[in-house]
PDB file of N, CA and C in Angstrom:
ATOM      1  N   MET A   1      21.787 -23.703  -9.093  1.00  0.00           N
ATOM      2  CA  MET A   1      22.948 -23.919 -10.219  1.00  0.00           C
ATOM      3  C   MET A   1      23.094 -25.399 -10.662  1.00  0.00           C
ATOM      4  N   ASP A   2      21.756 -26.362  -9.853  1.00  0.00           N
ATOM      5  CA  ASP A   2      22.419 -27.940  -9.464  1.00  0.00           C
ATOM      6  C   ASP A   2      21.305 -27.854 -10.664  1.00  0.00           C
ATOM      7  N   GLY A   3      20.875 -27.470 -11.648  1.00  0.00           N
ATOM      8  CA  GLY A   3      20.393 -27.977 -13.080  1.00  0.00           C
ATOM      9  C   GLY A   3      18.459 -29.071 -12.311  1.00  0.00           C
ATOM     10  N   VAL A   4      18.240 -28.972 -11.168  1.00  0.00           N
ATOM     11  CA  VAL A   4      17.361 -29.667 -11.239  1.00  0.00           C
ATOM     12  C   VAL A   4      16.433 -28.628 -10.532  1.00  0.00           C
ATOM     13  N   HIS A   5      16.878 -27.869  -9.957  1.00  0.00           N
ATOM     14  CA  HIS A   5      16.119 -27.156  -8.898  1.00  0.00           C
ATOM     15  C   HIS A   5      15.657 -26.439  -9.959  1.00  0.00           C
ATOM     16  N   VAL A   6      14.194 -25.767  -8.894  1.00  0.00           N
ATOM     17  CA  VAL A   6      13.375 -24.846  -9.596  1.00  0.00           C
ATOM     18  C   VAL A   6      13.119 -23.708  -8.439  1.00  0.00           C
ATOM     19  N   MET A   7      13.061 -22.104  -9.212  1.00  0.00           N
ATOM     20  CA  MET A   7      11.941 -21.349  -7.970  1.00  0.00           C
ATOM     21  C   MET A   7      10.783 -20.689  -8.604  1.00  0.00           C
ATOM     22  N   LYS A   8       9.682 -20.530  -7.942  1.00  0.00           N
ATOM     23  CA  LYS A   8       8.960 -20.208  -7.648  1.00  0.00           C
ATOM     24  C   LYS A   8       8.841 -18.690  -8.171  1.00  0.00           C
ATOM     25  N   ARG A   9       7.530 -18.042  -8.999  1.00  0.00           N
ATOM     26  CA  ARG A   9       7.250 -16.615  -9.769  1.00  0.00           C
ATOM     27  C   ARG A   9       7.370 -15.172  -8.642  1.00  0.00           C
ATOM     28  N   GLU A  10       6.854 -16.093  -7.571  1.00  0.00           N
ATOM     29  CA  GLU A  10       6.271 -14.749  -6.396  1.00  0.00           C
ATOM     30  C   GLU A  10       7.596 -14.970  -5.256  1.00  0.00           C
ATOM     31  N   THR A  11       8.413 -16.070  -5.576  1.00  0.00           N
ATOM     32  CA  THR A  11       9.668 -16.358  -4.636  1.00  0.00           C
ATOM     33  C   THR A  11      11.164 -15.588  -5.064  1.00  0.00           C
ATOM     34  N   PHE A  12      10.854 -15.630  -6.090  1.00  0.00           N
ATOM     35  CA  PHE A  12      11.307 -14.884  -7.444  1.00  0.00           C
ATOM     36  C   PHE A  12      11.188 -13.223  -7.449  1.00  0.00           C
ATOM     37  N   TYR A  13      10.621 -12.327  -7.508  1.00  0.00           N
ATOM     38  CA  TYR A  13       9.875 -11.727  -6.637  1.00  0.00           C
ATOM     39  C   TYR A  13      10.073 -10.544  -5.804  1.00  0.00           C
ATOM     40  N   GLN A  14      10.204 -12.129  -4.793  1.00  0.00           N
ATOM     41  CA  GLN A  14      10.312 -11.397  -3.649  1.00  0.00           C
ATOM     42  C   GLN A  14      11.643 -11.078  -3.336  1.00  0.00           C
ATOM     43  N   ILE A  15      12.888 -11.415  -4.273  1.00  0.00           N
ATOM     44  CA  ILE A  15      13.786 -12.034  -4.033  1.00  0.00           C
ATOM     45  C   ILE A  15      14.273 -10.224  -4.473  1.00  0.00           C
ATOM     46  N   LEU A  16      14.043 -10.166  -5.479  1.00  0.00           N
ATOM     47  CA  LEU A  16      14.650  -8.529  -6.214  1.00  0.00           C
ATOM     48  C   LEU A  16      13.573  -7.712  -5.698  1.00  0.00           C
ATOM     49  N   LEU A  17      12.493  -7.527  -4.798  1.00  0.00           N
ATOM     50  CA  LEU A  17      11.973  -6.553  -4.006  1.00  0.00           C
ATOM     51  C   LEU A  17      12.818  -6.375  -2.654  1.00  0.00           C
ATOM     52  N   HIS A  18      13.066  -7.391  -2.035  1.00  0.00           N
ATOM     53  CA  HIS A  18      14.697  -7.472  -1.534  1.00  0.00           C
ATOM     54  C   HIS A  18      16.031  -6.344  -1.807  1.00  0.00           C
ATOM     55  N   CYS A  19      15.969  -6.560  -3.015  1.00  0.00           N
ATOM     56  CA  CYS A  19      17.574  -6.255  -3.578  1.00  0.00           C
ATOM     57  C   CYS A  19      17.183  -3.950  -4.235  1.00  0.00           C
ATOM     58  N   LEU A  20      15.292  -3.741  -3.517  1.00  0.00           N
ATOM     59  CA  LEU A  20      15.576  -2.382  -3.940  1.00  0.00           C
ATOM     60  C   LEU A  20      15.898  -1.068  -2.701  1.00  0.00           C
ATOM     61  N   PRO A  21      16.416  -0.139  -3.391  1.00  0.00           N
ATOM     62  CA  PRO A  21      17.141   0.526  -2.246  1.00  0.00           C
ATOM     63  C   PRO A  21      16.021   1.561  -1.128  1.00  0.00           C
ATOM     64  N   SER A  22      16.376   2.092  -0.516  1.00  0.00           N
ATOM     65  CA  SER A  22      15.245   3.293   0.051  1.00  0.00           C
ATOM     66  C   SER A  22      16.263   4.558   0.252  1.00  0.00           C
ATOM     67  N   GLY A  23      17.403   4.662  -0.759  1.00  0.00           N
ATOM     68  CA  GLY A  23      18.041   6.420   0.259  1.00  0.00           C
ATOM     69  C   GLY A  23      17.593   7.593   0.229  1.00  0.00           C
ATOM     70  N   SER A  24      17.750   8.879   0.931  1.00  0.00           N
ATOM     71  CA  SER A  24      17.118   9.520   0.816  1.00  0.00           C
ATOM     72  C   SER A  24      17.507  10.212  -0.347  1.00  0.00           C
ATOM     73  N   ARG A  25      16.559  11.108  -0.723  1.00  0.00           N
ATOM     74  CA  ARG A  25      16.880  12.271  -1.851  1.00  0.00           C
ATOM     75  C   ARG A  25      17.248  13.606  -1.151  1.00  0.00           C
ATOM     76  N   GLY A  26      17.736  13.727  -0.148  1.00  0.00           N
ATOM     77  CA  GLY A  26      17.770  14.891   0.077  1.00  0.00           C
ATOM     78  C   GLY A  26      16.342  15.423   0.462  1.00  0.00           C
ATOM     79  N   GLY A  27      16.725  16.588   1.945  1.00  0.00           N
ATOM     80  CA  GLY A  27      15.350  17.208   2.688  1.00  0.00           C
ATOM     81  C   GLY A  27      14.028  15.736   3.216  1.00  0.00           C
ATOM     82  N   GLY A  28      15.079  14.743   3.682  1.00  0.00           N
ATOM     83  CA  GLY A  28      14.134  14.266   3.869  1.00  0.00           C
ATOM     84  C   GLY A  28      13.922  13.161   3.830  1.00  0.00           C
ATOM     85  N   GLU A  29      13.069  13.415   1.960  1.00  0.00           N
ATOM     86  CA  GLU A  29      12.433  12.086   1.733  1.00  0.00           C
ATOM     87  C   GLU A  29      13.422  11.203   1.031  1.00  0.00           C
ATOM     88  N   LYS A  30      12.640  10.385   1.352  1.00  0.00           N
ATOM     89  CA  LYS A  30      12.856   9.065   0.729  1.00  0.00           C
ATOM     90  C   LYS A  30      12.754   8.326  -0.649  1.00  0.00           C
ATOM     91  N   GLN A  31      14.019   7.913  -1.180  1.00  0.00           N
ATOM     92  CA  GLN A  31      13.926   7.214  -2.917  1.00  0.00           C
ATOM     93  C   GLN A  31      12.615   6.257  -2.678  1.00  0.00           C
ATOM     94  N   GLY A  32      12.069   5.449  -2.139  1.00  0.00           N
ATOM     95  CA  GLY A  32      11.427   4.111  -1.981  1.00  0.00           C
ATOM     96  C   GLY A  32      10.723   3.639  -0.777  1.00  0.00           C
ATOM     97  N   LYS A  33      10.491   2.898  -1.047  1.00  0.00           N
ATOM     98  CA  LYS A  33       9.925   1.898   0.356  1.00  0.00           C
ATOM     99  C   LYS A  33      11.071   1.389   1.242  1.00  0.00           C
ATOM    100  N   GLN A  34      10.766   1.417   2.877  1.00  0.00           N
ATOM    101  CA  GLN A  34      12.051   1.026   3.492  1.00  0.00           C
ATOM    102  C   GLN A  34      12.067  -0.565   3.234  1.00  0.00           C
ATOM    103  N   LEU A  35      12.333  -1.184   2.210  1.00  0.00           N
ATOM    104  CA  LEU A  35      12.237  -2.972   2.140  1.00  0.00           C
ATOM    105  C   LEU A  35      12.886  -3.820   3.136  1.00  0.00           C
ATOM    106  N   ALA A  36      14.488  -3.410   2.782  1.00  0.00           N
ATOM    107  CA  ALA A  36      15.405  -3.799   3.489  1.00  0.00           C
ATOM    108  C   ALA A  36      16.690  -3.327   3.645  1.00  0.00           C
ATOM    109  N   LEU A  37      17.592  -3.767   4.585  1.00  0.00           N
ATOM    110  CA  LEU A  37      18.627  -3.475   5.261  1.00  0.00           C
ATOM    111  C   LEU A  37      19.539  -4.066   3.934  1.00  0.00           C
ATOM    112  N   PRO A  38      20.495  -3.361   3.955  1.00  0.00           N
ATOM    113  CA  PRO A  38      21.252  -2.174   4.344  1.00  0.00           C
ATOM    114  C   PRO A  38      20.605  -0.764   3.764  1.00  0.00           C
ATOM    115  N   PHE A  39      20.065  -1.283   2.419  1.00  0.00           N
ATOM    116  CA  PHE A  39      19.431   0.189   1.970  1.00  0.00           C
ATOM    117  C   PHE A  39      19.137   0.675   2.844  1.00  0.00           C
ATOM    118  N   ARG A  40      17.844   0.754   3.414  1.00  0.00           N
ATOM    119  CA  ARG A  40      17.588   1.744   4.228  1.00  0.00           C
ATOM    120  C   ARG A  40      18.208   3.008   5.322  1.00  0.00           C
ATOM    121  N   VAL A  41      19.631   2.167   5.425  1.00  0.00           N
ATOM    122  CA  VAL A  41      20.484   3.015   6.565  1.00  0.00           C
ATOM    123  C   VAL A  41      21.365   3.884   5.332  1.00  0.00           C
ATOM    124  N   LEU A  42      21.415   3.948   3.624  1.00  0.00           N
ATOM    125  CA  LEU A  42      22.211   4.596   3.647  1.00  0.00           C
ATOM    126  C   LEU A  42      21.739   5.979   2.659  1.00  0.00           C
ATOM    127  N   PRO A  43      22.193   6.956   3.396  1.00  0.00           N
ATOM    128  CA  PRO A  43      22.266   8.535   2.971  1.00  0.00           C
ATOM    129  C   PRO A  43      22.132   8.981   1.728  1.00  0.00           C
ATOM    130  N   TRP A  44      22.202   8.121   0.796  1.00  0.00           N
ATOM    131  CA  TRP A  44      22.468   7.955  -0.918  1.00  0.00           C
ATOM    132  C   TRP A  44      21.373   8.179  -1.574  1.00  0.00           C
ATOM    133  N   ASP A  45      21.283   8.709  -2.866  1.00  0.00           N
ATOM    134  CA  ASP A  45      19.583   7.103  -4.143  1.00  0.00           C
ATOM    135  C   ASP A  45      20.993   6.331  -4.629  1.00  0.00           C
ATOM    136  N   SER A  46      20.286   5.293  -4.929  1.00  0.00           N
ATOM    137  CA  SER A  46      21.195   4.472  -5.857  1.00  0.00           C
ATOM    138  C   SER A  46      21.616   4.687  -7.471  1.00  0.00           C
ATOM    139  N   GLU A  47      22.596   4.443  -7.589  1.00  0.00           N
ATOM    140  CA  GLU A  47      23.259   4.061  -8.931  1.00  0.00           C
ATOM    141  C   GLU A  47      23.791   3.339  -9.824  1.00  0.00           C
ATOM    142  N   VAL A  48      23.747   1.999  -9.120  1.00  0.00           N
ATOM    143  CA  VAL A  48      23.663   0.640  -9.549  1.00  0.00           C
ATOM    144  C   VAL A  48      22.687   0.206  -9.795  1.00  0.00           C
ATOM    145  N   HIS A  49      22.053  -0.417 -11.062  1.00  0.00           N
ATOM    146  CA  HIS A  49      21.264  -1.155 -11.453  1.00  0.00           C
ATOM    147  C   HIS A  49      21.720  -2.746 -11.960  1.00  0.00           C
ATOM    148  N   ALA A  50      20.785  -3.548 -11.952  1.00  0.00           N
ATOM    149  CA  ALA A  50      21.584  -4.989 -12.468  1.00  0.00           C
ATOM    150  C   ALA A  50      20.494  -5.365 -13.762  1.00  0.00           C
ATOM    151  N   VAL A  51      21.195  -6.230 -14.340  1.00  0.00           N
ATOM    152  CA  VAL A  51      20.991  -6.905 -15.197  1.00  0.00           C
ATOM    153  C   VAL A  51      21.281  -8.086 -15.197  1.00  0.00           C
ATOM    154  N   ILE A  52      20.242  -9.426 -15.457  1.00  0.00           N
ATOM    155  CA  ILE A  52      19.743 -10.783 -14.828  1.00  0.00           C
ATOM    156  C   ILE A  52      19.169 -11.064 -15.660  1.00  0.00           C
ATOM    157  N   PHE A  53      20.139 -12.449 -16.004  1.00  0.00           N
ATOM    158  CA  PHE A  53      19.857 -13.680 -16.640  1.00  0.00           C
ATOM    159  C   PHE A  53      18.514 -14.341 -15.684  1.00  0.00           C
ATOM    160  N   VAL A  54      17.366 -14.768 -16.160  1.00  0.00           N
ATOM    161  CA  VAL A  54      17.078 -15.150 -15.711  1.00  0.00           C
ATOM    162  C   VAL A  54      16.634 -16.780 -16.142  1.00  0.00           C
ATOM    163  N   HIS A  55      16.458 -18.130 -15.906  1.00  0.00           N
ATOM    164  CA  HIS A  55      16.399 -19.299 -16.079  1.00  0.00           C
ATOM    165  C   HIS A  55      16.239 -20.223 -14.836  1.00  0.00           C
ATOM    166  N   ARG A  56      14.995 -21.135 -15.352  1.00  0.00           N
ATOM    167  CA  ARG A  56      14.809 -22.098 -14.306  1.00  0.00           C
ATOM    168  C   ARG A  56      13.743 -21.259 -12.905  1.00  0.00           C
ATOM    169  N   VAL A  57      12.793 -20.310 -13.321  1.00  0.00           N
ATOM    170  CA  VAL A  57      11.821 -19.854 -12.585  1.00  0.00           C
ATOM    171  C   VAL A  57      10.750 -20.137 -13.369  1.00  0.00           C
ATOM    172  N   VAL A  58       9.412 -21.133 -12.462  1.00  0.00           N
ATOM    173  CA  VAL A  58       8.683 -22.015 -12.922  1.00  0.00           C
ATOM    174  C   VAL A  58       7.714 -20.448 -13.585  1.00  0.00           C
ATOM    175  N   GLY A  59       7.669 -20.411 -14.451  1.00  0.00           N
ATOM    176  CA  GLY A  59       6.220 -19.722 -15.277  1.00  0.00           C
ATOM    177  C   GLY A  59       7.401 -19.209 -16.078  1.00  0.00           C
ATOM    178  N   PHE A  60       8.080 -18.734 -15.800  1.00  0.00           N
ATOM    179  CA  PHE A  60       8.878 -17.787 -16.215  1.00  0.00           C
ATOM    180  C   PHE A  60       9.773 -17.834 -17.509  1.00  0.00           C
ATOM    181  N   PRO A  61       9.287 -16.846 -18.807  1.00  0.00           N
ATOM    182  CA  PRO A  61      10.776 -16.614 -19.814  1.00  0.00           C
ATOM    183  C   PRO A  61      12.036 -16.889 -19.491  1.00  0.00           C
ATOM    184  N   LYS A  62      12.457 -17.771 -20.057  1.00  0.00           N
ATOM    185  CA  LYS A  62      14.238 -17.634 -19.830  1.00  0.00           C
ATOM    186  C   LYS A  62      14.318 -16.529 -20.474  1.00  0.00           C
ATOM    187  N   GLY A  63      15.729 -15.471 -20.061  1.00  0.00           N
ATOM    188  CA  GLY A  63      15.675 -14.057 -21.065  1.00  0.00           C
ATOM    189  C   GLY A  63      17.044 -13.629 -20.099  1.00  0.00           C
ATOM    190  N   VAL A  64      16.396 -12.200 -20.906  1.00  0.00           N
ATOM    191  CA  VAL A  64      17.385 -11.674 -19.670  1.00  0.00           C
ATOM    192  C   VAL A  64      16.665  -9.953 -19.571  1.00  0.00           C
ATOM    193  N   TYR A  65      16.586  -9.792 -18.326  1.00  0.00           N
ATOM    194  CA  TYR A  65      15.934  -9.037 -17.127  1.00  0.00           C
ATOM    195  C   TYR A  65      16.638  -7.730 -16.901  1.00  0.00           C
ATOM    196  N   PHE A  66      16.388  -6.403 -16.315  1.00  0.00           N
ATOM    197  CA  PHE A  66      16.837  -5.073 -16.136  1.00  0.00           C
ATOM    198  C   PHE A  66      16.268  -4.813 -14.628  1.00  0.00           C
ATOM    199  N   LEU A  67      16.741  -5.122 -13.912  1.00  0.00           N
ATOM    200  CA  LEU A  67      15.929  -4.198 -13.041  1.00  0.00           C
ATOM    201  C   LEU A  67      16.535  -2.660 -12.218  1.00  0.00           C
ATOM    202  N   VAL A  68      15.606  -2.027 -12.601  1.00  0.00           N
ATOM    203  CA  VAL A  68      15.886  -0.400 -12.291  1.00  0.00           C
ATOM    204  C   VAL A  68      15.377   0.113 -10.427  1.00  0.00           C
ATOM    205  N   ARG A  69      17.031   0.313 -10.381  1.00  0.00           N
ATOM    206  CA  ARG A  69      17.328   0.621  -8.727  1.00  0.00           C
ATOM    207  C   ARG A  69      17.038   1.861  -8.223  1.00  0.00           C
ATOM    208  N   ASN A  70      16.747   2.686  -9.198  1.00  0.00           N
ATOM    209  CA  ASN A  70      16.441   4.380  -9.221  1.00  0.00           C
ATOM    210  C   ASN A  70      15.446   4.500 -10.188  1.00  0.00           C
ATOM    211  N   GLU A  71      14.314   4.931  -9.963  1.00  0.00           N
ATOM    212  CA  GLU A  71      12.843   5.063 -11.043  1.00  0.00           C
ATOM    213  C   GLU A  71      13.408   6.682 -11.469  1.00  0.00           C
ATOM    214  N   ASP A  72      14.529   7.333 -11.172  1.00  0.00           N
ATOM    215  CA  ASP A  72      14.751   8.332 -11.545  1.00  0.00           C
ATOM    216  C   ASP A  72      15.191   8.029 -12.924  1.00  0.00           C
ATOM    217  N   HIS A  73      16.196   7.049 -12.777  1.00  0.00           N
ATOM    218  CA  HIS A  73      17.034   7.418 -13.573  1.00  0.00           C
ATOM    219  C   HIS A  73      16.361   6.084 -15.275  1.00  0.00           C
ATOM    220  N   PHE A  74      15.497   6.292 -14.824  1.00  0.00           N
ATOM    221  CA  PHE A  74      14.429   5.446 -15.839  1.00  0.00           C
ATOM    222  C   PHE A  74      15.033   5.631 -17.666  1.00  0.00           C
ATOM    223  N   HIS A  75      14.146   6.752 -17.483  1.00  0.00           N
ATOM    224  CA  HIS A  75      14.507   7.490 -19.656  1.00  0.00           C
ATOM    225  C   HIS A  75      16.068   7.442 -19.787  1.00  0.00           C
ATOM    226  N   ASP A  76      16.833   7.761 -18.472  1.00  0.00           N
ATOM    227  CA  ASP A  76      17.990   8.079 -19.416  1.00  0.00           C
ATOM    228  C   ASP A  76      18.829   6.381 -20.005  1.00  0.00           C
ATOM    229  N   LEU A  77      18.341   5.388 -18.775  1.00  0.00           N
ATOM    230  CA  LEU A  77      18.715   4.206 -19.425  1.00  0.00           C
ATOM    231  C   LEU A  77      17.974   3.359 -20.401  1.00  0.00           C
ATOM    232  N   LYS A  78      16.772   3.656 -20.516  1.00  0.00           N
ATOM    233  CA  LYS A  78      15.628   3.066 -21.708  1.00  0.00           C
ATOM    234  C   LYS A  78      16.624   3.737 -23.295  1.00  0.00           C
ATOM    235  N   GLN A  79      16.966   5.659 -22.889  1.00  0.00           N
ATOM    236  CA  GLN A  79      17.727   6.088 -23.910  1.00  0.00           C
ATOM    237  C   GLN A  79      19.228   5.029 -24.246  1.00  0.00           C
ATOM    238  N   ALA A  80      20.084   5.158 -23.010  1.00  0.00           N
ATOM    239  CA  ALA A  80      21.076   4.050 -23.278  1.00  0.00           C
ATOM    240  C   ALA A  80      21.117   3.054 -24.244  1.00  0.00           C
ATOM    241  N   THR A  81      19.876   2.021 -24.085  1.00  0.00           N
ATOM    242  CA  THR A  81      20.172   0.596 -24.706  1.00  0.00           C
ATOM    243  C   THR A  81      19.628   0.389 -26.130  1.00  0.00           C
ATOM    244  N   ARG A  82      19.923  -0.754 -25.864  1.00  0.00           N
ATOM    245  CA  ARG A  82      19.196  -0.799 -27.511  1.00  0.00           C
ATOM    246  C   ARG A  82      18.025  -0.981 -28.094  1.00  0.00           C
ATOM    247  N   SER A  83      17.751   0.131 -29.464  1.00  0.00           N
ATOM    248  CA  SER A  83      16.035  -0.405 -29.505  1.00  0.00           C
ATOM    249  C   SER A  83      14.807  -1.242 -28.850  1.00  0.00           C
ATOM    250  N   GLU A  84      16.085  -2.803 -29.688  1.00  0.00           N
ATOM    251  CA  GLU A  84      15.410  -4.011 -29.393  1.00  0.00           C
ATOM    252  C   GLU A  84      15.050  -4.356 -27.719  1.00  0.00           C
ATOM    253  N   PHE A  85      15.118  -3.340 -27.065  1.00  0.00           N
ATOM    254  CA  PHE A  85      14.746  -4.190 -25.905  1.00  0.00           C
ATOM    255  C   PHE A  85      13.379  -3.136 -25.071  1.00  0.00           C
ATOM    256  N   GLU A  86      12.833  -4.019 -25.032  1.00  0.00           N
ATOM    257  CA  GLU A  86      11.285  -3.466 -24.901  1.00  0.00           C
ATOM    258  C   GLU A  86      10.574  -2.835 -23.997  1.00  0.00           C
ATOM    259  N   TRP A  87      11.758  -3.067 -22.578  1.00  0.00           N
ATOM    260  CA  TRP A  87      10.885  -2.897 -21.846  1.00  0.00           C
ATOM    261  C   TRP A  87       9.766  -2.512 -20.652  1.00  0.00           C
ATOM    262  N   VAL A  88       9.382  -3.622 -20.834  1.00  0.00           N
ATOM    263  CA  VAL A  88       7.430  -4.372 -20.682  1.00  0.00           C
ATOM    264  C   VAL A  88       8.132  -4.857 -19.293  1.00  0.00           C
ATOM    265  N   LYS A  89       6.884  -4.860 -18.465  1.00  0.00           N
ATOM    266  CA  LYS A  89       6.937  -5.283 -16.863  1.00  0.00           C
ATOM    267  C   LYS A  89       7.133  -7.466 -17.221  1.00  0.00           C
ATOM    268  N   PRO A  90       7.214  -8.463 -16.566  1.00  0.00           N
ATOM    269  CA  PRO A  90       6.688  -9.853 -17.008  1.00  0.00           C
ATOM    270  C   PRO A  90       5.580  -9.679 -16.195  1.00  0.00           C
ATOM    271  N   GLU A  91       4.576 -10.610 -16.748  1.00  0.00           N
ATOM    272  CA  GLU A  91       3.005 -10.972 -16.364  1.00  0.00           C
ATOM    273  C   GLU A  91       3.768 -11.663 -14.858  1.00  0.00           C
ATOM    274  N   GLY A  92       2.713 -10.509 -13.800  1.00  0.00           N
ATOM    275  CA  GLY A  92       2.486 -11.088 -12.227  1.00  0.00           C
ATOM    276  C   GLY A  92       3.677 -10.148 -11.844  1.00  0.00           C
ATOM    277  N   CYS A  93       4.146  -9.186 -12.642  1.00  0.00           N
ATOM    278  CA  CYS A  93       5.914  -8.716 -11.775  1.00  0.00           C
ATOM    279  C   CYS A  93       4.624  -7.511 -10.805  1.00  0.00           C
ATOM    280  N   PRO A  94       5.278  -7.831  -9.727  1.00  0.00           N
ATOM    281  CA  PRO A  94       4.265  -6.393  -8.654  1.00  0.00           C
ATOM    282  C   PRO A  94       4.493  -4.824  -9.299  1.00  0.00           C
ATOM    283  N   ALA A  95       3.740  -4.550  -9.099  1.00  0.00           N
ATOM    284  CA  ALA A  95       3.294  -2.912  -9.846  1.00  0.00           C
ATOM    285  C   ALA A  95       4.939  -2.052  -9.215  1.00  0.00           C
ATOM    286  N   ASP A  96       4.623  -2.255  -7.910  1.00  0.00           N
ATOM    287  CA  ASP A  96       6.056  -1.176  -7.315  1.00  0.00           C
ATOM    288  C   ASP A  96       7.093  -1.695  -7.483  1.00  0.00           C
ATOM    289  N   LEU A  97       7.487  -2.865  -8.597  1.00  0.00           N
ATOM    290  CA  LEU A  97       8.877  -3.527  -8.712  1.00  0.00           C
ATOM    291  C   LEU A  97       9.043  -2.660 -10.204  1.00  0.00           C
ATOM    292  N   PRO A  98      10.274  -2.452 -10.428  1.00  0.00           N
ATOM    293  CA  PRO A  98      10.402  -1.367 -11.507  1.00  0.00           C
ATOM    294  C   PRO A  98      11.263  -2.224 -13.066  1.00  0.00           C
ATOM    295  N   PHE A  99      11.276  -3.921 -12.601  1.00  0.00           N
ATOM    296  CA  PHE A  99      11.510  -5.108 -13.441  1.00  0.00           C
ATOM    297  C   PHE A  99      11.594  -5.052 -15.049  1.00  0.00           C
ATOM    298  N   TYR A 100      12.018  -5.008 -15.920  1.00  0.00           N
ATOM    299  CA  TYR A 100      11.727  -5.507 -17.574  1.00  0.00           C
ATOM    300  C   TYR A 100      12.381  -6.321 -17.935  1.00  0.00           C
ATOM    301  N   ALA A 101      11.788  -6.420 -19.051  1.00  0.00           N
ATOM    302  CA  ALA A 101      12.326  -7.892 -19.934  1.00  0.00           C
ATOM    303  C   ALA A 101      12.620  -6.878 -21.020  1.00  0.00           C
ATOM    304  N   TYR A 102      13.707  -7.776 -21.716  1.00  0.00           N
ATOM    305  CA  TYR A 102      14.711  -7.287 -22.541  1.00  0.00           C
ATOM    306  C   TYR A 102      13.954  -7.711 -24.037  1.00  0.00           C
TER     307      TYR A 102
END
């Protein structure tokens, strides 16, 4: 936040991957991959998503992005947002990262 330093796109994606939960869906089925603590110990699915303003990431367009932390909510989230929200993954986004550009 010093106006000088920047982050590599790959590093940024790694940080986002560690923000994904992996709580159970009941019956022992997991919501997603076991990516990071503390999410892997929670017995419930994620109900909170993240809207992120991205800037100072090398090769990444500045703007507003949405991290869907429970993909079961994707359709409802898409319906609840403005039609201008494009819901497209940015270039180089890992296939297993539900991260979308505005």
